[in-house]
Amino acid sequence: MWPVRSPRSGQPWRAGESRELAQQKERLIDAVGTGRVVNVAIGILMERHRIEHQEAFDVTREGSCRERRKVREIASDIF
């Protein structure tokens, strides 16, 4: 059986590389999910309060700082 090769280096895969790629994939999936939650929350704020995108984001970010919570958590509360 031929060894599976890394597309980047052409070298055989190592267990560490595979684990690193799996972790990177999870971080990217989480980041995409976070972006969607935040963008939907910003859209809700824009509609409810008739404000521009930047102002809605600023409100969310300021709430995050004030409450010492992540922007994603504040955005989730808006739902």
PDB file of N, CA and C in Angstrom:
ATOM      1  N   MET A   1       0.847  -1.184   0.000  1.00  0.00           N
ATOM      2  CA  MET A   1       0.000   0.000   0.000  1.00  0.00           C
ATOM      3  C   MET A   1       0.888   1.241   0.000  1.00  0.00           C
ATOM      4  N   TRP A   2       0.570   2.201  -0.855  1.00  0.00           N
ATOM      5  CA  TRP A   2       1.352   3.427  -0.961  1.00  0.00           C
ATOM      6  C   TRP A   2       1.046   4.344   0.207  1.00  0.00           C
ATOM      7  N   PRO A   3       2.041   5.036   0.706  1.00  0.00           N
ATOM      8  CA  PRO A   3       1.752   5.984   1.797  1.00  0.00           C
ATOM      9  C   PRO A   3       0.971   7.182   1.267  1.00  0.00           C
ATOM     10  N   VAL A   4       0.069   7.673   2.071  1.00  0.00           N
ATOM     11  CA  VAL A   4      -0.688   8.871   1.718  1.00  0.00           C
ATOM     12  C   VAL A   4       0.250  10.058   1.854  1.00  0.00           C
ATOM     13  N   ARG A   5       0.232  10.926   0.868  1.00  0.00           N
ATOM     14  CA  ARG A   5       1.165  12.047   0.858  1.00  0.00           C
ATOM     15  C   ARG A   5       0.461  13.367   1.139  1.00  0.00           C
ATOM     16  N   SER A   6       1.184  14.239   1.795  1.00  0.00           N
ATOM     17  CA  SER A   6       0.688  15.578   2.085  1.00  0.00           C
ATOM     18  C   SER A   6       0.654  16.390   0.795  1.00  0.00           C
ATOM     19  N   PRO A   7      -0.478  17.056   0.502  1.00  0.00           N
ATOM     20  CA  PRO A   7      -0.530  17.864  -0.718  1.00  0.00           C
ATOM     21  C   PRO A   7       0.425  19.059  -0.661  1.00  0.00           C
ATOM     22  N   ARG A   8       0.737  19.508   0.539  1.00  0.00           N
ATOM     23  CA  ARG A   8       1.599  20.669   0.689  1.00  0.00           C
ATOM     24  C   ARG A   8       3.063  20.315   0.445  1.00  0.00           C
ATOM     25  N   SER A   9       3.550  19.273   1.093  1.00  0.00           N
ATOM     26  CA  SER A   9       4.979  18.973   1.021  1.00  0.00           C
ATOM     27  C   SER A   9       5.308  17.773   0.149  1.00  0.00           C
ATOM     28  N   GLY A  10       4.326  16.943  -0.153  1.00  0.00           N
ATOM     29  CA  GLY A  10       4.593  15.727  -0.913  1.00  0.00           C
ATOM     30  C   GLY A  10       5.191  14.619  -0.062  1.00  0.00           C
ATOM     31  N   GLN A  11       5.391  14.907   1.214  1.00  0.00           N
ATOM     32  CA  GLN A  11       5.950  13.925   2.139  1.00  0.00           C
ATOM     33  C   GLN A  11       4.822  13.055   2.696  1.00  0.00           C
ATOM     34  N   PRO A  12       5.161  11.855   3.181  1.00  0.00           N
ATOM     35  CA  PRO A  12       4.124  11.010   3.791  1.00  0.00           C
ATOM     36  C   PRO A  12       3.470  11.717   4.976  1.00  0.00           C
ATOM     37  N   TRP A  13       2.159  11.494   5.133  1.00  0.00           N
ATOM     38  CA  TRP A  13       1.414  12.070   6.255  1.00  0.00           C
ATOM     39  C   TRP A  13       1.964  11.546   7.560  1.00  0.00           C
ATOM     40  N   ARG A  14       1.917  12.375   8.540  1.00  0.00           N
ATOM     41  CA  ARG A  14       2.287  11.978   9.886  1.00  0.00           C
ATOM     42  C   ARG A  14       1.064  12.150  10.766  1.00  0.00           C
ATOM     43  N   ALA A  15       0.996  11.400  11.858  1.00  0.00           N
ATOM     44  CA  ALA A  15      -0.157  11.474  12.759  1.00  0.00           C
ATOM     45  C   ALA A  15      -0.358  12.893  13.269  1.00  0.00           C
ATOM     46  N   GLY A  16       0.730  13.601  13.577  1.00  0.00           N
ATOM     47  CA  GLY A  16       0.623  14.966  14.072  1.00  0.00           C
ATOM     48  C   GLY A  16      -0.003  15.906  13.060  1.00  0.00           C
ATOM     49  N   GLU A  17       0.345  15.734  11.802  1.00  0.00           N
ATOM     50  CA  GLU A  17      -0.227  16.573  10.746  1.00  0.00           C
ATOM     51  C   GLU A  17      -1.720  16.340  10.621  1.00  0.00           C
ATOM     52  N   SER A  18      -2.104  15.080  10.687  1.00  0.00           N
ATOM     53  CA  SER A  18      -3.512  14.733  10.572  1.00  0.00           C
ATOM     54  C   SER A  18      -4.302  15.330  11.728  1.00  0.00           C
ATOM     55  N   ARG A  19      -3.770  15.230  12.927  1.00  0.00           N
ATOM     56  CA  ARG A  19      -4.424  15.780  14.109  1.00  0.00           C
ATOM     57  C   ARG A  19      -4.525  17.310  13.994  1.00  0.00           C
ATOM     58  N   GLU A  20      -3.442  17.939  13.542  1.00  0.00           N
ATOM     59  CA  GLU A  20      -3.424  19.397  13.377  1.00  0.00           C
ATOM     60  C   GLU A  20      -4.465  19.845  12.356  1.00  0.00           C
ATOM     61  N   LEU A  21      -4.576  19.117  11.252  1.00  0.00           N
ATOM     62  CA  LEU A  21      -5.568  19.466  10.231  1.00  0.00           C
ATOM     63  C   LEU A  21      -6.995  19.300  10.760  1.00  0.00           C
ATOM     64  N   ALA A  22      -7.222  18.263  11.548  1.00  0.00           N
ATOM     65  CA  ALA A  22      -8.549  18.045  12.126  1.00  0.00           C
ATOM     66  C   ALA A  22      -8.908  19.192  13.080  1.00  0.00           C
ATOM     67  N   GLN A  23      -7.941  19.640  13.868  1.00  0.00           N
ATOM     68  CA  GLN A  23      -8.182  20.752  14.790  1.00  0.00           C
ATOM     69  C   GLN A  23      -8.430  22.044  14.022  1.00  0.00           C
ATOM     70  N   GLN A  24      -7.655  22.254  12.962  1.00  0.00           N
ATOM     71  CA  GLN A  24      -7.847  23.448  12.140  1.00  0.00           C
ATOM     72  C   GLN A  24      -9.236  23.444  11.508  1.00  0.00           C
ATOM     73  N   LYS A  25      -9.673  22.298  11.045  1.00  0.00           N
ATOM     74  CA  LYS A  25     -10.999  22.171  10.452  1.00  0.00           C
ATOM     75  C   LYS A  25     -12.071  22.547  11.467  1.00  0.00           C
ATOM     76  N   GLU A  26     -11.950  22.059  12.695  1.00  0.00           N
ATOM     77  CA  GLU A  26     -12.925  22.378  13.740  1.00  0.00           C
ATOM     78  C   GLU A  26     -12.944  23.874  14.047  1.00  0.00           C
ATOM     79  N   ARG A  27     -11.771  24.492  14.100  1.00  0.00           N
ATOM     80  CA  ARG A  27     -11.710  25.937  14.360  1.00  0.00           C
ATOM     81  C   ARG A  27     -12.378  26.723  13.233  1.00  0.00           C
ATOM     82  N   LEU A  28     -12.168  26.301  11.987  1.00  0.00           N
ATOM     83  CA  LEU A  28     -12.780  26.994  10.851  1.00  0.00           C
ATOM     84  C   LEU A  28     -14.297  26.832  10.852  1.00  0.00           C
ATOM     85  N   ILE A  29     -14.778  25.639  11.164  1.00  0.00           N
ATOM     86  CA  ILE A  29     -16.222  25.408  11.242  1.00  0.00           C
ATOM     87  C   ILE A  29     -16.830  26.281  12.329  1.00  0.00           C
ATOM     88  N   ASP A  30     -16.151  26.365  13.485  1.00  0.00           N
ATOM     89  CA  ASP A  30     -16.631  27.194  14.584  1.00  0.00           C
ATOM     90  C   ASP A  30     -16.648  28.670  14.189  1.00  0.00           C
ATOM     91  N   ALA A  31     -15.613  29.101  13.478  1.00  0.00           N
ATOM     92  CA  ALA A  31     -15.535  30.500  13.051  1.00  0.00           C
ATOM     93  C   ALA A  31     -16.669  30.850  12.093  1.00  0.00           C
ATOM     94  N   VAL A  32     -16.977  29.953  11.180  1.00  0.00           N
ATOM     95  CA  VAL A  32     -18.080  30.194  10.238  1.00  0.00           C
ATOM     96  C   VAL A  32     -19.397  30.280  10.995  1.00  0.00           C
ATOM     97  N   GLY A  33     -19.596  29.381  11.952  1.00  0.00           N
ATOM     98  CA  GLY A  33     -20.812  29.415  12.766  1.00  0.00           C
ATOM     99  C   GLY A  33     -20.929  30.704  13.549  1.00  0.00           C
ATOM    100  N   THR A  34     -19.815  31.149  14.111  1.00  0.00           N
ATOM    101  CA  THR A  34     -19.806  32.398  14.864  1.00  0.00           C
ATOM    102  C   THR A  34     -20.175  33.567  13.962  1.00  0.00           C
ATOM    103  N   GLY A  35     -19.605  33.608  12.778  1.00  0.00           N
ATOM    104  CA  GLY A  35     -19.905  34.689  11.842  1.00  0.00           C
ATOM    105  C   GLY A  35     -21.375  34.742  11.485  1.00  0.00           C
ATOM    106  N   ARG A  36     -21.976  33.589  11.288  1.00  0.00           N
ATOM    107  CA  ARG A  36     -23.401  33.554  10.948  1.00  0.00           C
ATOM    108  C   ARG A  36     -24.253  34.066  12.096  1.00  0.00           C
ATOM    109  N   VAL A  37     -23.955  33.609  13.310  1.00  0.00           N
ATOM    110  CA  VAL A  37     -24.731  34.042  14.483  1.00  0.00           C
ATOM    111  C   VAL A  37     -24.623  35.546  14.652  1.00  0.00           C
ATOM    112  N   VAL A  38     -23.419  36.060  14.580  1.00  0.00           N
ATOM    113  CA  VAL A  38     -23.200  37.501  14.768  1.00  0.00           C
ATOM    114  C   VAL A  38     -23.898  38.292  13.669  1.00  0.00           C
ATOM    115  N   ASN A  39     -23.792  37.872  12.431  1.00  0.00           N
ATOM    116  CA  ASN A  39     -24.416  38.606  11.322  1.00  0.00           C
ATOM    117  C   ASN A  39     -25.934  38.604  11.409  1.00  0.00           C
ATOM    118  N   VAL A  40     -26.523  37.493  11.815  1.00  0.00           N
ATOM    119  CA  VAL A  40     -27.980  37.453  11.965  1.00  0.00           C
ATOM    120  C   VAL A  40     -28.406  38.383  13.090  1.00  0.00           C
ATOM    121  N   ALA A  41     -27.675  38.359  14.204  1.00  0.00           N
ATOM    122  CA  ALA A  41     -28.002  39.238  15.332  1.00  0.00           C
ATOM    123  C   ALA A  41     -27.886  40.703  14.924  1.00  0.00           C
ATOM    124  N   ILE A  42     -26.870  41.031  14.166  1.00  0.00           N
ATOM    125  CA  ILE A  42     -26.698  42.406  13.699  1.00  0.00           C
ATOM    126  C   ILE A  42     -27.867  42.797  12.792  1.00  0.00           C
ATOM    127  N   GLY A  43     -28.278  41.894  11.939  1.00  0.00           N
ATOM    128  CA  GLY A  43     -29.435  42.155  11.084  1.00  0.00           C
ATOM    129  C   GLY A  43     -30.701  42.396  11.887  1.00  0.00           C
ATOM    130  N   ILE A  44     -30.880  41.622  12.950  1.00  0.00           N
ATOM    131  CA  ILE A  44     -32.050  41.808  13.817  1.00  0.00           C
ATOM    132  C   ILE A  44     -32.011  43.192  14.460  1.00  0.00           C
ATOM    133  N   LEU A  45     -30.838  43.574  14.983  1.00  0.00           N
ATOM    134  CA  LEU A  45     -30.705  44.900  15.595  1.00  0.00           C
ATOM    135  C   LEU A  45     -30.968  46.012  14.581  1.00  0.00           C
ATOM    136  N   MET A  46     -30.452  45.834  13.366  1.00  0.00           N
ATOM    137  CA  MET A  46     -30.655  46.845  12.325  1.00  0.00           C
ATOM    138  C   MET A  46     -32.143  47.029  12.042  1.00  0.00           C
ATOM    139  N   GLU A  47     -32.862  45.930  11.955  1.00  0.00           N
ATOM    140  CA  GLU A  47     -34.290  45.982  11.655  1.00  0.00           C
ATOM    141  C   GLU A  47     -35.091  46.567  12.822  1.00  0.00           C
ATOM    142  N   ARG A  48     -34.827  46.080  14.014  1.00  0.00           N
ATOM    143  CA  ARG A  48     -35.593  46.529  15.190  1.00  0.00           C
ATOM    144  C   ARG A  48     -35.387  48.006  15.497  1.00  0.00           C
ATOM    145  N   HIS A  49     -34.138  48.457  15.376  1.00  0.00           N
ATOM    146  CA  HIS A  49     -33.809  49.815  15.800  1.00  0.00           C
ATOM    147  C   HIS A  49     -33.555  50.774  14.640  1.00  0.00           C
ATOM    148  N   ARG A  50     -33.695  50.257  13.426  1.00  0.00           N
ATOM    149  CA  ARG A  50     -33.482  51.061  12.217  1.00  0.00           C
ATOM    150  C   ARG A  50     -32.142  51.806  12.274  1.00  0.00           C
ATOM    151  N   ILE A  51     -31.085  51.008  12.456  1.00  0.00           N
ATOM    152  CA  ILE A  51     -29.729  51.547  12.523  1.00  0.00           C
ATOM    153  C   ILE A  51     -28.875  50.889  11.444  1.00  0.00           C
ATOM    154  N   GLU A  52     -27.733  51.473  11.184  1.00  0.00           N
ATOM    155  CA  GLU A  52     -26.813  50.963  10.167  1.00  0.00           C
ATOM    156  C   GLU A  52     -26.024  49.763  10.717  1.00  0.00           C
ATOM    157  N   HIS A  53     -25.410  49.037   9.808  1.00  0.00           N
ATOM    158  CA  HIS A  53     -24.652  47.833  10.157  1.00  0.00           C
ATOM    159  C   HIS A  53     -23.567  48.110  11.184  1.00  0.00           C
ATOM    160  N   GLN A  54     -22.767  49.122  10.959  1.00  0.00           N
ATOM    161  CA  GLN A  54     -21.656  49.415  11.867  1.00  0.00           C
ATOM    162  C   GLN A  54     -22.149  49.745  13.272  1.00  0.00           C
ATOM    163  N   GLU A  55     -23.242  50.512  13.347  1.00  0.00           N
ATOM    164  CA  GLU A  55     -23.785  50.862  14.659  1.00  0.00           C
ATOM    165  C   GLU A  55     -24.313  49.622  15.381  1.00  0.00           C
ATOM    166  N   ALA A  56     -24.966  48.735  14.647  1.00  0.00           N
ATOM    167  CA  ALA A  56     -25.466  47.494  15.249  1.00  0.00           C
ATOM    168  C   ALA A  56     -24.303  46.631  15.737  1.00  0.00           C
ATOM    169  N   PHE A  57     -23.243  46.557  14.960  1.00  0.00           N
ATOM    170  CA  PHE A  57     -22.068  45.796  15.401  1.00  0.00           C
ATOM    171  C   PHE A  57     -21.447  46.442  16.629  1.00  0.00           C
ATOM    172  N   ASP A  58     -21.352  47.770  16.638  1.00  0.00           N
ATOM    173  CA  ASP A  58     -20.779  48.475  17.784  1.00  0.00           C
ATOM    174  C   ASP A  58     -21.585  48.207  19.053  1.00  0.00           C
ATOM    175  N   VAL A  59     -22.904  48.198  18.944  1.00  0.00           N
ATOM    176  CA  VAL A  59     -23.760  47.902  20.096  1.00  0.00           C
ATOM    177  C   VAL A  59     -23.448  46.498  20.626  1.00  0.00           C
ATOM    178  N   THR A  60     -23.320  45.552  19.725  1.00  0.00           N
ATOM    179  CA  THR A  60     -23.015  44.177  20.122  1.00  0.00           C
ATOM    180  C   THR A  60     -21.642  44.092  20.765  1.00  0.00           C
ATOM    181  N   ARG A  61     -20.669  44.738  20.171  1.00  0.00           N
ATOM    182  CA  ARG A  61     -19.296  44.708  20.698  1.00  0.00           C
ATOM    183  C   ARG A  61     -19.211  45.399  22.051  1.00  0.00           C
ATOM    184  N   GLU A  62     -19.893  46.530  22.199  1.00  0.00           N
ATOM    185  CA  GLU A  62     -19.881  47.237  23.476  1.00  0.00           C
ATOM    186  C   GLU A  62     -20.522  46.405  24.580  1.00  0.00           C
ATOM    187  N   GLY A  63     -21.608  45.702  24.241  1.00  0.00           N
ATOM    188  CA  GLY A  63     -22.230  44.800  25.215  1.00  0.00           C
ATOM    189  C   GLY A  63     -21.283  43.685  25.607  1.00  0.00           C
ATOM    190  N   SER A  64     -20.523  43.213  24.657  1.00  0.00           N
ATOM    191  CA  SER A  64     -19.535  42.166  24.916  1.00  0.00           C
ATOM    192  C   SER A  64     -18.472  42.653  25.903  1.00  0.00           C
ATOM    193  N   CYS A  65     -17.972  43.846  25.676  1.00  0.00           N
ATOM    194  CA  CYS A  65     -16.950  44.414  26.571  1.00  0.00           C
ATOM    195  C   CYS A  65     -17.526  44.689  27.951  1.00  0.00           C
ATOM    196  N   ARG A  66     -18.699  45.277  27.981  1.00  0.00           N
ATOM    197  CA  ARG A  66     -19.318  45.657  29.254  1.00  0.00           C
ATOM    198  C   ARG A  66     -19.598  44.426  30.123  1.00  0.00           C
ATOM    199  N   GLU A  67     -20.076  43.360  29.502  1.00  0.00           N
ATOM    200  CA  GLU A  67     -20.442  42.162  30.252  1.00  0.00           C
ATOM    201  C   GLU A  67     -19.309  41.131  30.331  1.00  0.00           C
ATOM    202  N   ARG A  68     -18.192  41.465  29.677  1.00  0.00           N
ATOM    203  CA  ARG A  68     -17.032  40.551  29.648  1.00  0.00           C
ATOM    204  C   ARG A  68     -17.432  39.155  29.139  1.00  0.00           C
ATOM    205  N   ARG A  69     -18.140  39.189  28.016  1.00  0.00           N
ATOM    206  CA  ARG A  69     -18.574  37.960  27.355  1.00  0.00           C
ATOM    207  C   ARG A  69     -18.181  38.060  25.890  1.00  0.00           C
ATOM    208  N   LYS A  70     -18.149  36.947  25.224  1.00  0.00           N
ATOM    209  CA  LYS A  70     -17.809  36.935  23.800  1.00  0.00           C
ATOM    210  C   LYS A  70     -18.942  37.546  22.975  1.00  0.00           C
ATOM    211  N   VAL A  71     -18.560  38.148  21.855  1.00  0.00           N
ATOM    212  CA  VAL A  71     -19.550  38.742  20.954  1.00  0.00           C
ATOM    213  C   VAL A  71     -20.565  37.689  20.532  1.00  0.00           C
ATOM    214  N   ARG A  72     -20.108  36.472  20.287  1.00  0.00           N
ATOM    215  CA  ARG A  72     -21.025  35.397  19.889  1.00  0.00           C
ATOM    216  C   ARG A  72     -22.084  35.150  20.956  1.00  0.00           C
ATOM    217  N   GLU A  73     -21.698  35.199  22.223  1.00  0.00           N
ATOM    218  CA  GLU A  73     -22.658  34.973  23.305  1.00  0.00           C
ATOM    219  C   GLU A  73     -23.699  36.088  23.355  1.00  0.00           C
ATOM    220  N   ILE A  74     -23.247  37.324  23.186  1.00  0.00           N
ATOM    221  CA  ILE A  74     -24.167  38.457  23.168  1.00  0.00           C
ATOM    222  C   ILE A  74     -25.109  38.319  21.971  1.00  0.00           C
ATOM    223  N   ALA A  75     -24.562  37.965  20.820  1.00  0.00           N
ATOM    224  CA  ALA A  75     -25.377  37.791  19.611  1.00  0.00           C
ATOM    225  C   ALA A  75     -26.415  36.686  19.805  1.00  0.00           C
ATOM    226  N   SER A  76     -26.033  35.610  20.464  1.00  0.00           N
ATOM    227  CA  SER A  76     -26.975  34.512  20.713  1.00  0.00           C
ATOM    228  C   SER A  76     -28.138  34.976  21.590  1.00  0.00           C
ATOM    229  N   ASP A  77     -27.864  35.864  22.524  1.00  0.00           N
ATOM    230  CA  ASP A  77     -28.920  36.391  23.401  1.00  0.00           C
ATOM    231  C   ASP A  77     -29.935  37.216  22.633  1.00  0.00           C
ATOM    232  N   ILE A  78     -29.551  37.803  21.526  1.00  0.00           N
ATOM    233  CA  ILE A  78     -30.443  38.645  20.741  1.00  0.00           C
ATOM    234  C   ILE A  78     -31.541  37.813  20.092  1.00  0.00           C
ATOM    235  N   PHE A  79     -31.263  36.548  19.793  1.00  0.00           N
ATOM    236  CA  PHE A  79     -32.252  35.678  19.169  1.00  0.00           C
ATOM    237  C   PHE A  79     -33.425  35.538  20.082  1.00  0.00           C
TER     238      PHE A  79
END
